[in-house]
C-alpha atoms as a PDB file:
ATOM      1  CA  MET A   1      -2.630  90.775 -50.103  1.00  0.00           C
ATOM      2  CA  ASN A   2      -6.065  90.209 -48.541  1.00  0.00           C
ATOM      3  CA  LYS A   3      -5.752  88.777 -45.001  1.00  0.00           C
ATOM      4  CA  LEU A   4      -8.944  86.752 -45.470  1.00  0.00           C
ATOM      5  CA  TRP A   5      -7.522  85.160 -48.606  1.00  0.00           C
ATOM      6  CA  ILE A   6      -4.299  84.243 -46.743  1.00  0.00           C
ATOM      7  CA  CYS A   7      -6.262  82.639 -43.896  1.00  0.00           C
ATOM      8  CA  LYS A   8      -8.280  80.565 -46.349  1.00  0.00           C
ATOM      9  CA  GLN A   9      -5.116  79.397 -48.083  1.00  0.00           C
ATOM     10  CA  LEU A  10      -3.508  78.435 -44.762  1.00  0.00           C
ATOM     11  CA  ALA A  11      -6.653  76.573 -43.690  1.00  0.00           C
ATOM     12  CA  GLY A  12      -6.664  74.665 -46.968  1.00  0.00           C
ATOM     13  CA  LEU A  13      -2.982  73.824 -46.552  1.00  0.00           C
ATOM     14  CA  LEU A  14      -3.590  72.504 -43.031  1.00  0.00           C
ATOM     15  CA  VAL A  15      -6.488  70.338 -44.224  1.00  0.00           C
ATOM     16  CA  GLY A  16      -4.277  68.949 -46.978  1.00  0.00           C
ATOM     17  CA  VAL A  17      -1.470  68.199 -44.549  1.00  0.00           C
ATOM     18  CA  GLY A  18      -3.945  66.469 -42.206  1.00  0.00           C
ATOM     19  CA  ALA A  19      -5.298  64.331 -45.006  1.00  0.00           C
ATOM     20  CA  LEU A  20      -1.778  63.420 -46.104  1.00  0.00           C
ATOM     21  CA  ALA A  21      -0.895  62.458 -42.544  1.00  0.00           C
ATOM     22  CA  ALA A  22      -3.983  60.279 -42.321  1.00  0.00           C
ATOM     23  CA  VAL A  23      -3.076  58.507 -45.558  1.00  0.00           C
ATOM     24  CA  SER A  24       0.494  58.101 -44.371  1.00  0.00           C
ATOM     25  CA  GLY A  25      -0.778  56.595 -41.129  1.00  0.00           C
ATOM     26  CA  VAL A  26      -2.655  53.894 -43.015  1.00  0.00           C
ATOM     27  CA  ALA A  27       0.221  53.325 -45.383  1.00  0.00           C
ATOM     28  CA  SER A  28       2.652  53.049 -42.479  1.00  0.00           C
ATOM     29  CA  ALA A  29       1.280  49.633 -41.569  1.00  0.00           C
ATOM     30  CA  GLU A  30       3.717  47.132 -43.010  1.00  0.00           C
ATOM     31  CA  GLU A  31       3.697  43.399 -43.496  1.00  0.00           C
ATOM     32  CA  PRO A  32       4.696  41.656 -40.247  1.00  0.00           C
ATOM     33  CA  ARG A  33       8.337  40.637 -40.307  1.00  0.00           C
ATOM     34  CA  ARG A  34       7.644  37.344 -38.548  1.00  0.00           C
ATOM     35  CA  PRO A  35       4.001  36.479 -39.170  1.00  0.00           C
ATOM     36  CA  GLU A  36       2.625  33.538 -37.223  1.00  0.00           C
ATOM     37  CA  CYS A  37      -0.652  31.711 -36.891  1.00  0.00           C
ATOM     38  CA  ILE A  38      -1.552  30.097 -33.574  1.00  0.00           C
ATOM     39  CA  ALA A  39      -3.557  26.861 -33.875  1.00  0.00           C
ATOM     40  CA  PRO A  40      -5.139  26.208 -30.453  1.00  0.00           C
ATOM     41  CA  ALA A  41      -4.862  22.392 -30.649  1.00  0.00           C
ATOM     42  CA  GLN A  42      -2.563  19.570 -31.681  1.00  0.00           C
ATOM     43  CA  PRO A  43      -1.614  19.202 -35.382  1.00  0.00           C
ATOM     44  CA  GLY A  44      -4.130  17.533 -37.642  1.00  0.00           C
ATOM     45  CA  GLY A  45      -7.441  19.080 -36.602  1.00  0.00           C
ATOM     46  CA  GLY A  46      -9.628  21.939 -37.788  1.00  0.00           C
ATOM     47  CA  PHE A  47      -7.521  24.709 -36.240  1.00  0.00           C
ATOM     48  CA  ASP A  48      -4.475  23.355 -38.059  1.00  0.00           C
ATOM     49  CA  LEU A  49      -6.402  23.388 -41.360  1.00  0.00           C
ATOM     50  CA  THR A  50      -7.509  26.966 -40.694  1.00  0.00           C
ATOM     51  CA  CYS A  51      -3.945  28.170 -40.146  1.00  0.00           C
ATOM     52  CA  ARG A  52      -2.725  26.320 -43.223  1.00  0.00           C
ATOM     53  CA  LEU A  53      -5.409  28.012 -45.292  1.00  0.00           C
ATOM     54  CA  ALA A  54      -4.146  31.425 -44.151  1.00  0.00           C
ATOM     55  CA  GLN A  55      -0.531  30.370 -44.619  1.00  0.00           C
ATOM     56  CA  GLU A  56      -1.066  29.244 -48.210  1.00  0.00           C
ATOM     57  CA  GLY A  57      -3.750  31.770 -49.160  1.00  0.00           C
ATOM     58  CA  LEU A  58      -1.946  34.926 -48.050  1.00  0.00           C
ATOM     59  CA  LYS A  59       1.221  33.771 -49.810  1.00  0.00           C
ATOM     60  CA  ALA A  60      -0.545  32.782 -53.038  1.00  0.00           C
ATOM     61  CA  ALA A  61      -2.341  36.142 -53.178  1.00  0.00           C
ATOM     62  CA  GLY A  62       0.937  38.013 -52.693  1.00  0.00           C
ATOM     63  CA  GLN A  63      -0.038  39.476 -49.324  1.00  0.00           C
ATOM     64  CA  LEU A  64       2.786  37.871 -47.348  1.00  0.00           C
ATOM     65  CA  LYS A  65       6.358  37.735 -48.526  1.00  0.00           C
ATOM     66  CA  ALA A  66       7.786  36.383 -45.275  1.00  0.00           C
ATOM     67  CA  PRO A  67       6.908  32.753 -44.478  1.00  0.00           C
ATOM     68  CA  MET A  68       4.151  32.325 -41.900  1.00  0.00           C
ATOM     69  CA  ARG A  69       4.914  29.778 -39.212  1.00  0.00           C
ATOM     70  CA  ILE A  70       2.231  27.798 -37.385  1.00  0.00           C
ATOM     71  CA  ILE A  71       2.438  27.471 -33.606  1.00  0.00           C
ATOM     72  CA  TYR A  72       0.404  24.785 -31.837  1.00  0.00           C
ATOM     73  CA  MET A  73      -1.011  25.797 -28.466  1.00  0.00           C
ATOM     74  CA  PRO A  74      -3.434  23.096 -27.253  1.00  0.00           C
ATOM     75  CA  GLY A  75      -5.478  23.373 -24.106  1.00  0.00           C
ATOM     76  CA  GLY A  76      -9.118  23.955 -23.294  1.00  0.00           C
ATOM     77  CA  ILE A  77     -10.128  23.844 -26.969  1.00  0.00           C
ATOM     78  CA  GLY A  78      -8.865  27.373 -27.492  1.00  0.00           C
ATOM     79  CA  ALA A  79      -8.912  28.674 -23.917  1.00  0.00           C
ATOM     80  CA  VAL A  80      -5.156  28.464 -23.368  1.00  0.00           C
ATOM     81  CA  ALA A  81      -4.402  30.349 -26.596  1.00  0.00           C
ATOM     82  CA  TYR A  82      -7.099  32.960 -25.895  1.00  0.00           C
ATOM     83  CA  ASN A  83      -5.799  33.663 -22.397  1.00  0.00           C
ATOM     84  CA  HIS A  84      -2.177  33.657 -23.598  1.00  0.00           C
ATOM     85  CA  VAL A  85      -2.836  36.211 -26.309  1.00  0.00           C
ATOM     86  CA  VAL A  86      -4.961  38.543 -24.175  1.00  0.00           C
ATOM     87  CA  ALA A  87      -2.610  38.435 -21.184  1.00  0.00           C
ATOM     88  CA  GLN A  88       0.830  37.929 -22.772  1.00  0.00           C
ATOM     89  CA  LYS A  89       0.653  39.218 -26.364  1.00  0.00           C
ATOM     90  CA  PRO A  90      -2.163  41.774 -26.435  1.00  0.00           C
ATOM     91  CA  ASP A  91      -0.364  44.132 -28.843  1.00  0.00           C
ATOM     92  CA  ASP A  92       1.429  41.612 -31.069  1.00  0.00           C
ATOM     93  CA  GLY A  93       0.445  42.678 -34.570  1.00  0.00           C
ATOM     94  CA  GLY A  94       2.261  39.752 -36.172  1.00  0.00           C
ATOM     95  CA  SER A  95       0.160  36.965 -34.611  1.00  0.00           C
ATOM     96  CA  ILE A  96      -3.241  35.809 -35.778  1.00  0.00           C
ATOM     97  CA  ILE A  97      -5.111  33.107 -33.875  1.00  0.00           C
ATOM     98  CA  ALA A  98      -7.498  30.575 -35.384  1.00  0.00           C
ATOM     99  CA  PHE A  99     -11.021  30.234 -34.052  1.00  0.00           C
ATOM    100  CA  SER A 100     -14.123  28.284 -34.990  1.00  0.00           C
ATOM    101  CA  GLY A 101     -17.776  28.163 -34.065  1.00  0.00           C
ATOM    102  CA  GLY A 102     -16.657  25.959 -31.188  1.00  0.00           C
ATOM    103  CA  SER A 103     -14.536  28.778 -29.804  1.00  0.00           C
ATOM    104  CA  LEU A 104     -17.585  31.031 -29.796  1.00  0.00           C
ATOM    105  CA  LEU A 105     -19.660  28.352 -28.096  1.00  0.00           C
ATOM    106  CA  ASN A 106     -17.052  28.037 -25.340  1.00  0.00           C
ATOM    107  CA  LEU A 107     -16.976  31.802 -24.915  1.00  0.00           C
ATOM    108  CA  ALA A 108     -20.756  31.781 -24.577  1.00  0.00           C
ATOM    109  CA  GLN A 109     -20.418  29.361 -21.655  1.00  0.00           C
ATOM    110  CA  GLY A 110     -17.694  31.318 -19.903  1.00  0.00           C
ATOM    111  CA  LYS A 111     -15.088  28.610 -20.522  1.00  0.00           C
ATOM    112  CA  PHE A 112     -12.305  31.038 -21.374  1.00  0.00           C
ATOM    113  CA  GLY A 113     -11.886  32.156 -17.773  1.00  0.00           C
ATOM    114  CA  LYS A 114     -12.279  35.826 -16.993  1.00  0.00           C
ATOM    115  CA  TYR A 115     -12.176  36.856 -20.645  1.00  0.00           C
ATOM    116  CA  ASN A 116     -15.191  37.200 -22.931  1.00  0.00           C
ATOM    117  CA  VAL A 117     -16.070  37.895 -26.559  1.00  0.00           C
ATOM    118  CA  ASP A 118     -15.171  41.586 -26.197  1.00  0.00           C
ATOM    119  CA  ASP A 119     -11.563  40.934 -25.127  1.00  0.00           C
ATOM    120  CA  VAL A 120      -9.999  40.366 -28.578  1.00  0.00           C
ATOM    121  CA  ARG A 121     -10.278  41.936 -32.022  1.00  0.00           C
ATOM    122  CA  TRP A 122     -12.174  39.697 -34.448  1.00  0.00           C
ATOM    123  CA  LEU A 123     -10.280  39.811 -37.706  1.00  0.00           C
ATOM    124  CA  ALA A 124     -11.545  37.686 -40.589  1.00  0.00           C
ATOM    125  CA  ALA A 125     -13.572  34.586 -41.384  1.00  0.00           C
ATOM    126  CA  VAL A 126     -12.168  32.419 -44.158  1.00  0.00           C
ATOM    127  CA  GLY A 127     -14.811  29.777 -44.738  1.00  0.00           C
ATOM    128  CA  SER A 128     -17.663  27.714 -43.405  1.00  0.00           C
ATOM    129  CA  ASP A 129     -17.793  24.075 -42.465  1.00  0.00           C
ATOM    130  CA  PHE A 130     -20.439  21.642 -41.254  1.00  0.00           C
ATOM    131  CA  GLY A 131     -20.654  18.875 -38.704  1.00  0.00           C
ATOM    132  CA  VAL A 132     -20.428  15.238 -39.793  1.00  0.00           C
ATOM    133  CA  ALA A 133     -20.792  11.794 -38.252  1.00  0.00           C
ATOM    134  CA  VAL A 134     -17.851   9.518 -39.107  1.00  0.00           C
ATOM    135  CA  VAL A 135     -17.207   5.808 -38.528  1.00  0.00           C
ATOM    136  CA  ARG A 136     -14.516   3.363 -39.624  1.00  0.00           C
ATOM    137  CA  ASP A 137     -14.885   2.021 -43.147  1.00  0.00           C
ATOM    138  CA  ASP A 138     -15.418  -1.479 -41.759  1.00  0.00           C
ATOM    139  CA  SER A 139     -18.090  -0.340 -39.290  1.00  0.00           C
ATOM    140  CA  PRO A 140     -21.374  -2.293 -39.218  1.00  0.00           C
ATOM    141  CA  TYR A 141     -23.144   1.077 -39.447  1.00  0.00           C
ATOM    142  CA  LYS A 142     -23.602   1.766 -43.147  1.00  0.00           C
ATOM    143  CA  ASN A 143     -25.672   4.910 -42.715  1.00  0.00           C
ATOM    144  CA  LEU A 144     -26.917   7.264 -40.007  1.00  0.00           C
ATOM    145  CA  LYS A 145     -30.113   5.241 -39.528  1.00  0.00           C
ATOM    146  CA  ASP A 146     -28.035   2.170 -38.596  1.00  0.00           C
ATOM    147  CA  LEU A 147     -26.045   4.136 -36.029  1.00  0.00           C
ATOM    148  CA  MET A 148     -29.155   5.737 -34.583  1.00  0.00           C
ATOM    149  CA  ALA A 149     -30.958   2.407 -34.268  1.00  0.00           C
ATOM    150  CA  ALA A 150     -28.025   0.892 -32.351  1.00  0.00           C
ATOM    151  CA  PHE A 151     -27.716   4.045 -30.240  1.00  0.00           C
ATOM    152  CA  LYS A 152     -31.388   3.959 -29.275  1.00  0.00           C
ATOM    153  CA  ALA A 153     -31.344   0.200 -28.571  1.00  0.00           C
ATOM    154  CA  ASP A 154     -28.440   0.469 -26.129  1.00  0.00           C
ATOM    155  CA  PRO A 155     -26.756   3.863 -25.577  1.00  0.00           C
ATOM    156  CA  SER A 156     -24.017   2.226 -23.489  1.00  0.00           C
ATOM    157  CA  LYS A 157     -22.636   0.352 -26.515  1.00  0.00           C
ATOM    158  CA  ILE A 158     -22.089   3.438 -28.651  1.00  0.00           C
ATOM    159  CA  VAL A 159     -19.156   5.610 -27.612  1.00  0.00           C
ATOM    160  CA  LEU A 160     -19.010   8.958 -29.367  1.00  0.00           C
ATOM    161  CA  GLY A 161     -15.738  10.866 -29.513  1.00  0.00           C
ATOM    162  CA  ALA A 162     -14.683  14.318 -30.643  1.00  0.00           C
ATOM    163  CA  GLY A 163     -12.166  17.084 -30.118  1.00  0.00           C
ATOM    164  CA  GLY A 164     -13.985  18.816 -27.331  1.00  0.00           C
ATOM    165  CA  THR A 165     -15.112  18.567 -23.734  1.00  0.00           C
ATOM    166  CA  VAL A 166     -18.681  18.649 -22.430  1.00  0.00           C
ATOM    167  CA  GLY A 167     -20.369  21.746 -23.811  1.00  0.00           C
ATOM    168  CA  SER A 168     -18.036  22.122 -26.798  1.00  0.00           C
ATOM    169  CA  GLN A 169     -19.399  22.266 -30.326  1.00  0.00           C
ATOM    170  CA  ASP A 170     -18.409  18.638 -30.953  1.00  0.00           C
ATOM    171  CA  TRP A 171     -20.165  17.638 -27.738  1.00  0.00           C
ATOM    172  CA  MET A 172     -23.169  19.640 -28.932  1.00  0.00           C
ATOM    173  CA  LYS A 173     -23.167  17.654 -32.175  1.00  0.00           C
ATOM    174  CA  ALA A 174     -23.138  14.452 -30.116  1.00  0.00           C
ATOM    175  CA  ALA A 175     -25.896  15.750 -27.801  1.00  0.00           C
ATOM    176  CA  LEU A 176     -28.043  16.796 -30.759  1.00  0.00           C
ATOM    177  CA  THR A 177     -27.427  13.357 -32.304  1.00  0.00           C
ATOM    178  CA  ALA A 178     -28.553  11.666 -29.081  1.00  0.00           C
ATOM    179  CA  LYS A 179     -31.615  13.897 -28.942  1.00  0.00           C
ATOM    180  CA  ALA A 180     -32.496  13.056 -32.557  1.00  0.00           C
ATOM    181  CA  ALA A 181     -32.139   9.343 -31.756  1.00  0.00           C
ATOM    182  CA  GLY A 182     -34.517   9.678 -28.830  1.00  0.00           C
ATOM    183  CA  VAL A 183     -31.742   9.150 -26.269  1.00  0.00           C
ATOM    184  CA  ASP A 184     -31.307  11.311 -23.156  1.00  0.00           C
ATOM    185  CA  TYR A 185     -28.080  13.220 -23.810  1.00  0.00           C
ATOM    186  CA  LYS A 186     -27.151  12.704 -20.160  1.00  0.00           C
ATOM    187  CA  LYS A 187     -26.925   8.952 -20.807  1.00  0.00           C
ATOM    188  CA  MET A 188     -24.678   9.081 -23.873  1.00  0.00           C
ATOM    189  CA  ARG A 189     -21.068   7.942 -23.597  1.00  0.00           C
ATOM    190  CA  PHE A 190     -18.775  10.677 -24.842  1.00  0.00           C
ATOM    191  CA  VAL A 191     -14.962  10.797 -24.901  1.00  0.00           C
ATOM    192  CA  ALA A 192     -13.268  14.171 -25.227  1.00  0.00           C
ATOM    193  CA  PHE A 193      -9.987  14.654 -27.103  1.00  0.00           C
ATOM    194  CA  GLU A 194      -7.761  17.696 -27.561  1.00  0.00           C
ATOM    195  CA  GLY A 195      -8.266  17.728 -31.310  1.00  0.00           C
ATOM    196  CA  GLY A 196      -9.625  15.920 -34.335  1.00  0.00           C
ATOM    197  CA  GLY A 197      -6.332  14.116 -34.938  1.00  0.00           C
ATOM    198  CA  GLU A 198      -6.473  12.332 -31.569  1.00  0.00           C
ATOM    199  CA  ALA A 199     -10.154  11.463 -32.028  1.00  0.00           C
ATOM    200  CA  ILE A 200      -9.524   9.870 -35.424  1.00  0.00           C
ATOM    201  CA  THR A 201      -6.675   7.815 -33.940  1.00  0.00           C
ATOM    202  CA  ALA A 202      -9.100   6.551 -31.286  1.00  0.00           C
ATOM    203  CA  LEU A 203     -11.683   5.758 -33.978  1.00  0.00           C
ATOM    204  CA  ARG A 204      -9.152   3.738 -35.977  1.00  0.00           C
ATOM    205  CA  GLY A 205      -8.180   1.864 -32.828  1.00  0.00           C
ATOM    206  CA  GLY A 206     -11.780   0.940 -32.105  1.00  0.00           C
ATOM    207  CA  HIS A 207     -11.893   2.916 -28.835  1.00  0.00           C
ATOM    208  CA  ILE A 208     -14.896   4.912 -30.037  1.00  0.00           C
ATOM    209  CA  GLN A 209     -17.643   3.890 -32.458  1.00  0.00           C
ATOM    210  CA  ALA A 210     -18.292   7.260 -34.082  1.00  0.00           C
ATOM    211  CA  TYR A 211     -16.454  10.535 -34.445  1.00  0.00           C
ATOM    212  CA  MET A 212     -18.454  13.769 -34.410  1.00  0.00           C
ATOM    213  CA  GLY A 213     -16.221  15.831 -36.649  1.00  0.00           C
ATOM    214  CA  ASP A 214     -16.247  18.457 -39.369  1.00  0.00           C
ATOM    215  CA  ALA A 215     -16.716  18.092 -43.108  1.00  0.00           C
ATOM    216  CA  ALA A 216     -13.400  19.817 -43.942  1.00  0.00           C
ATOM    217  CA  GLU A 217     -11.429  17.377 -41.793  1.00  0.00           C
ATOM    218  CA  ALA A 218     -13.324  14.416 -43.228  1.00  0.00           C
ATOM    219  CA  PHE A 219     -12.681  15.658 -46.760  1.00  0.00           C
ATOM    220  CA  ILE A 220      -8.936  15.881 -46.197  1.00  0.00           C
ATOM    221  CA  MET A 221      -8.864  12.424 -44.602  1.00  0.00           C
ATOM    222  CA  LEU A 222     -10.834  10.865 -47.452  1.00  0.00           C
ATOM    223  CA  GLU A 223      -8.533  12.503 -49.988  1.00  0.00           C
ATOM    224  CA  GLY A 224      -5.600  11.003 -48.105  1.00  0.00           C
ATOM    225  CA  GLY A 225      -7.098   7.522 -48.225  1.00  0.00           C
ATOM    226  CA  ALA A 226      -8.057   7.284 -44.541  1.00  0.00           C
ATOM    227  CA  PRO A 227     -10.168   4.187 -43.736  1.00  0.00           C
ATOM    228  CA  ILE A 228     -13.305   6.084 -42.704  1.00  0.00           C
ATOM    229  CA  ARG A 229     -16.934   6.394 -43.776  1.00  0.00           C
ATOM    230  CA  VAL A 230     -18.923   9.611 -43.457  1.00  0.00           C
ATOM    231  CA  LEU A 231     -22.505   8.742 -42.511  1.00  0.00           C
ATOM    232  CA  ALA A 232     -24.102  12.179 -42.687  1.00  0.00           C
ATOM    233  CA  VAL A 233     -23.572  15.897 -43.049  1.00  0.00           C
ATOM    234  CA  PHE A 234     -25.270  18.115 -40.475  1.00  0.00           C
ATOM    235  CA  ASN A 235     -26.628  20.678 -42.919  1.00  0.00           C
ATOM    236  CA  SER A 236     -29.971  21.496 -44.476  1.00  0.00           C
ATOM    237  CA  GLU A 237     -28.747  20.465 -47.923  1.00  0.00           C
ATOM    238  CA  ARG A 238     -25.984  18.368 -49.450  1.00  0.00           C
ATOM    239  CA  LEU A 239     -22.586  19.906 -49.880  1.00  0.00           C
ATOM    240  CA  PRO A 240     -21.254  20.530 -53.396  1.00  0.00           C
ATOM    241  CA  GLY A 241     -18.206  18.960 -54.991  1.00  0.00           C
ATOM    242  CA  LYS A 242     -16.642  15.719 -53.850  1.00  0.00           C
ATOM    243  CA  LEU A 243     -18.802  15.528 -50.725  1.00  0.00           C
ATOM    244  CA  SER A 244     -22.046  15.685 -52.717  1.00  0.00           C
ATOM    245  CA  SER A 245     -22.565  11.910 -52.407  1.00  0.00           C
ATOM    246  CA  ILE A 246     -22.862  12.135 -48.617  1.00  0.00           C
ATOM    247  CA  PRO A 247     -26.509  12.472 -47.517  1.00  0.00           C
ATOM    248  CA  THR A 248     -27.614  14.985 -44.927  1.00  0.00           C
ATOM    249  CA  ALA A 249     -28.960  13.932 -41.548  1.00  0.00           C
ATOM    250  CA  LYS A 250     -32.311  15.403 -42.547  1.00  0.00           C
ATOM    251  CA  GLU A 251     -32.446  13.210 -45.647  1.00  0.00           C
ATOM    252  CA  GLN A 252     -32.174  10.225 -43.330  1.00  0.00           C
ATOM    253  CA  GLY A 253     -34.929  11.444 -41.047  1.00  0.00           C
ATOM    254  CA  PHE A 254     -32.959  13.283 -38.344  1.00  0.00           C
ATOM    255  CA  ASP A 255     -33.167  17.026 -37.785  1.00  0.00           C
ATOM    256  CA  ILE A 256     -29.525  17.846 -37.010  1.00  0.00           C
ATOM    257  CA  ASP A 257     -28.012  21.046 -38.370  1.00  0.00           C
ATOM    258  CA  TRP A 258     -24.603  22.346 -37.291  1.00  0.00           C
ATOM    259  CA  PRO A 259     -22.858  25.003 -39.398  1.00  0.00           C
ATOM    260  CA  ILE A 260     -19.348  26.076 -38.415  1.00  0.00           C
ATOM    261  CA  ILE A 261     -17.276  29.109 -39.312  1.00  0.00           C
ATOM    262  CA  ARG A 262     -13.511  29.326 -39.314  1.00  0.00           C
ATOM    263  CA  GLY A 263     -11.474  32.455 -38.953  1.00  0.00           C
ATOM    264  CA  PHE A 264      -8.990  34.523 -36.963  1.00  0.00           C
ATOM    265  CA  TYR A 265      -8.693  37.106 -34.229  1.00  0.00           C
ATOM    266  CA  VAL A 266      -5.818  39.228 -32.889  1.00  0.00           C
ATOM    267  CA  GLY A 267      -4.906  40.637 -29.492  1.00  0.00           C
ATOM    268  CA  PRO A 268      -7.011  43.406 -27.924  1.00  0.00           C
ATOM    269  CA  LYS A 269      -4.266  46.038 -28.078  1.00  0.00           C
ATOM    270  CA  VAL A 270      -3.077  45.427 -31.638  1.00  0.00           C
ATOM    271  CA  SER A 271      -2.814  48.838 -33.291  1.00  0.00           C
ATOM    272  CA  ASP A 272      -5.460  50.007 -35.738  1.00  0.00           C
ATOM    273  CA  ALA A 273      -2.781  50.180 -38.417  1.00  0.00           C
ATOM    274  CA  ASP A 274      -1.739  46.541 -37.946  1.00  0.00           C
ATOM    275  CA  TYR A 275      -5.360  45.388 -37.592  1.00  0.00           C
ATOM    276  CA  ASP A 276      -6.391  47.210 -40.773  1.00  0.00           C
ATOM    277  CA  TRP A 277      -3.408  45.734 -42.612  1.00  0.00           C
ATOM    278  CA  TRP A 278      -4.585  42.203 -41.800  1.00  0.00           C
ATOM    279  CA  VAL A 279      -8.214  43.027 -42.675  1.00  0.00           C
ATOM    280  CA  GLN A 280      -7.182  44.344 -46.074  1.00  0.00           C
ATOM    281  CA  ALA A 281      -4.766  41.466 -46.631  1.00  0.00           C
ATOM    282  CA  PHE A 282      -7.574  38.960 -46.063  1.00  0.00           C
ATOM    283  CA  LYS A 283      -9.983  40.919 -48.261  1.00  0.00           C
ATOM    284  CA  ASN A 284      -7.425  40.907 -51.068  1.00  0.00           C
ATOM    285  CA  THR A 285      -6.761  37.207 -50.521  1.00  0.00           C
ATOM    286  CA  GLN A 286     -10.444  36.261 -50.520  1.00  0.00           C
ATOM    287  CA  ALA A 287     -10.950  38.141 -53.792  1.00  0.00           C
ATOM    288  CA  SER A 288      -8.268  36.074 -55.523  1.00  0.00           C
ATOM    289  CA  PRO A 289      -9.059  32.973 -57.594  1.00  0.00           C
ATOM    290  CA  GLU A 290      -6.222  31.152 -55.834  1.00  0.00           C
ATOM    291  CA  PHE A 291      -8.013  31.454 -52.505  1.00  0.00           C
ATOM    292  CA  ALA A 292     -11.246  30.003 -53.874  1.00  0.00           C
ATOM    293  CA  GLU A 293      -9.292  26.948 -55.011  1.00  0.00           C
ATOM    294  CA  LEU A 294      -7.611  26.625 -51.621  1.00  0.00           C
ATOM    295  CA  GLN A 295     -11.010  26.770 -49.900  1.00  0.00           C
ATOM    296  CA  LYS A 296     -12.217  23.902 -52.076  1.00  0.00           C
ATOM    297  CA  LYS A 297      -9.009  21.990 -51.405  1.00  0.00           C
ATOM    298  CA  GLN A 298      -9.639  22.266 -47.654  1.00  0.00           C
ATOM    299  CA  GLY A 299     -13.294  21.276 -48.038  1.00  0.00           C
ATOM    300  CA  LEU A 300     -14.494  24.711 -46.913  1.00  0.00           C
ATOM    301  CA  PHE A 301     -17.253  26.831 -48.343  1.00  0.00           C
ATOM    302  CA  PRO A 302     -17.263  30.627 -48.869  1.00  0.00           C
ATOM    303  CA  PHE A 303     -17.927  32.713 -45.777  1.00  0.00           C
ATOM    304  CA  ASN A 304     -15.977  35.912 -46.209  1.00  0.00           C
ATOM    305  CA  LYS A 305     -16.512  38.435 -43.442  1.00  0.00           C
ATOM    306  CA  SER A 306     -13.916  40.704 -41.872  1.00  0.00           C
ATOM    307  CA  GLY A 307     -13.482  43.718 -39.622  1.00  0.00           C
ATOM    308  CA  ALA A 308     -16.640  45.304 -38.208  1.00  0.00           C
ATOM    309  CA  GLU A 309     -18.931  42.946 -40.153  1.00  0.00           C
ATOM    310  CA  LEU A 310     -17.308  39.886 -38.588  1.00  0.00           C
ATOM    311  CA  ASP A 311     -17.292  41.495 -35.152  1.00  0.00           C
ATOM    312  CA  ALA A 312     -21.082  41.971 -35.309  1.00  0.00           C
ATOM    313  CA  TYR A 313     -21.621  38.418 -36.568  1.00  0.00           C
ATOM    314  CA  VAL A 314     -19.452  36.865 -33.848  1.00  0.00           C
ATOM    315  CA  LYS A 315     -21.260  38.695 -31.065  1.00  0.00           C
ATOM    316  CA  GLU A 316     -24.657  37.673 -32.465  1.00  0.00           C
ATOM    317  CA  ARG A 317     -23.570  34.017 -32.592  1.00  0.00           C
ATOM    318  CA  VAL A 318     -22.250  34.089 -29.031  1.00  0.00           C
ATOM    319  CA  LYS A 319     -25.646  35.349 -27.890  1.00  0.00           C
ATOM    320  CA  ALA A 320     -27.416  32.513 -29.769  1.00  0.00           C
ATOM    321  CA  TYR A 321     -25.001  29.901 -28.399  1.00  0.00           C
ATOM    322  CA  THR A 322     -25.652  31.154 -24.873  1.00  0.00           C
ATOM    323  CA  GLU A 323     -29.344  30.368 -25.355  1.00  0.00           C
ATOM    324  CA  LEU A 324     -28.534  26.891 -26.750  1.00  0.00           C
ATOM    325  CA  ALA A 325     -26.174  26.100 -23.876  1.00  0.00           C
ATOM    326  CA  ASN A 326     -28.837  27.166 -21.412  1.00  0.00           C
ATOM    327  CA  SER A 327     -31.295  24.736 -23.018  1.00  0.00           C
ATOM    328  CA  PHE A 328     -28.882  21.883 -22.194  1.00  0.00           C
ATOM    329  CA  GLY A 329     -28.337  23.152 -18.664  1.00  0.00           C
ATOM    330  CA  LEU A 330     -24.675  23.929 -19.325  1.00  0.00           C
ATOM    331  CA  ILE A 331     -24.565  27.400 -17.798  1.00  0.00           C
ATOM    332  CA  LYS A 332     -24.843  27.677 -14.054  1.00  0.00           C
ATOM    333  CA  LYS A 333     -27.304  30.331 -12.985  1.00  0.00           C
END
């Protein structure tokens, strides 16, 4: 038997074994036995909605057989959860953590302590949202022009509230609203809450005059019969579906645009196998008709990015938010 022929056959066998091992490595990633979603705020806000979307969507698409529990970890509008995961659960392949555009804005300002945008693995985005201005249904402000007129006449009489501290995305929506009204953002009265649920409670109690929230939250509250009125959507065009009757800020003469994304990340040391399992699970889920219906139910709009594509998008947004924060003097030089 020709020695050269034998060597070629052995080489081919080794290549085949290597390929099989590679396939086995990918296939070895299994569904987490105890999957969990961490919502970095109190129940009732946008992070809660994001986790519920994953909880219901992954199950409906047949990606998760085990029930996914939701863990609430408020503090620093995502900072506590971010630090906890990086420092305490860096390799936990069963935990996904909700994030939003606000999380990225906080990262851009260095509000997550010593950690930055490169310290976790960005997993999947599951939808987009947009900022809104909300008042009580018995408010004297029937539209955004009414609110802006009162704001400009006497900024001290209009208290804006939201689920975020100074520099957060909700604060940015308030600051951009003040700017559009011709009011110095440094003079606006702003009350920070841990989440949207607390802010809405304050709005109902008359402690704030307007809530700078998100369209998805407002949609859910309206569907539930909450006594609120949405004055404007901060987008370049009206939103489809049941929110189509709400005018944009631009329609009412104010140039305010604030898109939001919602998604998930995992710890920095989660294995490639576990990470890839989640990426594929979300891709499969997002391709299902059930997920599209769940997005609509939550008031979200399609924004399906995952893996490397999401990673690149997140890092680009953090760079843009850094420039915006600098324009408001929020980053110390």
